[in-house]
Amino acid sequence: MASKAITAGVGIPMIIVGALMAWLWAPIGGDLQNQVELVGSTIGILGVIFFIAGLFYSKEPVMH
């Protein structure tokens, strides 16, 4: 059972914001291009981690 709040509420917006920062804002950044690209890609990677964590989240422990 996936958590829609974590997946759609946190993961997807972080991926979008990170991609926009790395692809659109970094080339305009001038002297700070490397730092903006690093922060954007880090936010995107964390978004992917939250997205995957939301897919595996369950409120009840799984007992086998």
Protein backbone atom coordinates (compact mmCIF):
# COMPACT_ATOMS: atom_id res chain seq x y z
CA MET A 1 0.00 0.00 0.00
CA ALA A 2 1.62 3.21 -1.17
CA SER A 3 1.36 6.59 0.49
CA LYS A 4 -0.03 9.14 -1.95
CA ALA A 5 0.86 12.00 0.41
CA ILE A 6 4.55 11.16 0.35
CA THR A 7 4.69 10.17 -3.32
CA ALA A 8 2.58 12.92 -4.89
CA GLY A 9 2.90 15.56 -2.19
CA VAL A 10 6.63 15.50 -1.59
CA GLY A 11 8.46 13.35 -4.13
CA ILE A 12 7.06 14.64 -7.41
CA PRO A 13 7.28 18.38 -6.54
CA MET A 14 10.88 17.93 -5.39
CA ILE A 15 11.78 16.18 -8.65
CA ILE A 16 10.16 18.98 -10.67
CA VAL A 17 11.78 21.80 -8.68
CA GLY A 18 15.20 20.12 -8.81
CA ALA A 19 14.96 19.61 -12.56
CA LEU A 20 13.88 23.20 -13.15
CA MET A 21 16.75 24.48 -11.03
CA ALA A 22 19.35 22.30 -12.74
CA TRP A 23 18.16 22.86 -16.32
CA LEU A 24 16.66 26.34 -16.40
CA TRP A 25 18.13 28.39 -13.56
CA ALA A 26 21.72 27.06 -13.60
CA PRO A 27 22.63 28.33 -17.10
CA ILE A 28 21.42 31.81 -16.11
CA GLY A 29 23.28 31.69 -12.78
CA GLY A 30 26.59 33.03 -14.08
CA ASP A 31 29.24 32.63 -11.38
CA LEU A 32 27.00 30.43 -9.25
CA GLN A 33 26.15 27.97 -12.06
CA ASN A 34 27.92 25.00 -10.46
CA GLN A 35 26.37 25.57 -7.04
CA VAL A 36 22.84 26.03 -8.43
CA GLU A 37 23.23 22.90 -10.54
CA LEU A 38 24.48 20.94 -7.50
CA VAL A 39 21.59 22.09 -5.30
CA GLY A 40 19.03 21.41 -8.05
CA SER A 41 20.31 17.93 -8.72
CA THR A 42 20.48 17.18 -4.99
CA ILE A 43 16.85 18.24 -4.55
CA GLY A 44 15.89 16.08 -7.53
CA ILE A 45 17.72 13.05 -6.16
CA LEU A 46 16.09 13.49 -2.75
CA GLY A 47 12.74 13.76 -4.54
CA VAL A 48 13.35 10.40 -6.21
CA ILE A 49 14.23 8.89 -2.83
CA PHE A 50 11.02 10.28 -1.26
CA PHE A 51 9.02 9.03 -4.28
CA ILE A 52 10.37 5.49 -3.90
CA ALA A 53 9.94 5.59 -0.11
CA GLY A 54 6.32 6.63 -0.58
CA LEU A 55 5.73 3.61 -2.82
CA PHE A 56 6.98 1.22 -0.13
CA TYR A 57 5.38 2.94 2.88
CA SER A 58 2.70 1.05 4.76
CA LYS A 59 0.98 1.95 8.03
CA GLU A 60 0.88 -1.64 9.23
CA PRO A 61 4.02 -3.73 9.58
CA VAL A 62 4.29 -6.56 7.07
CA MET A 63 4.58 -9.93 8.82
CA HIS A 64 5.68 -13.00 6.89
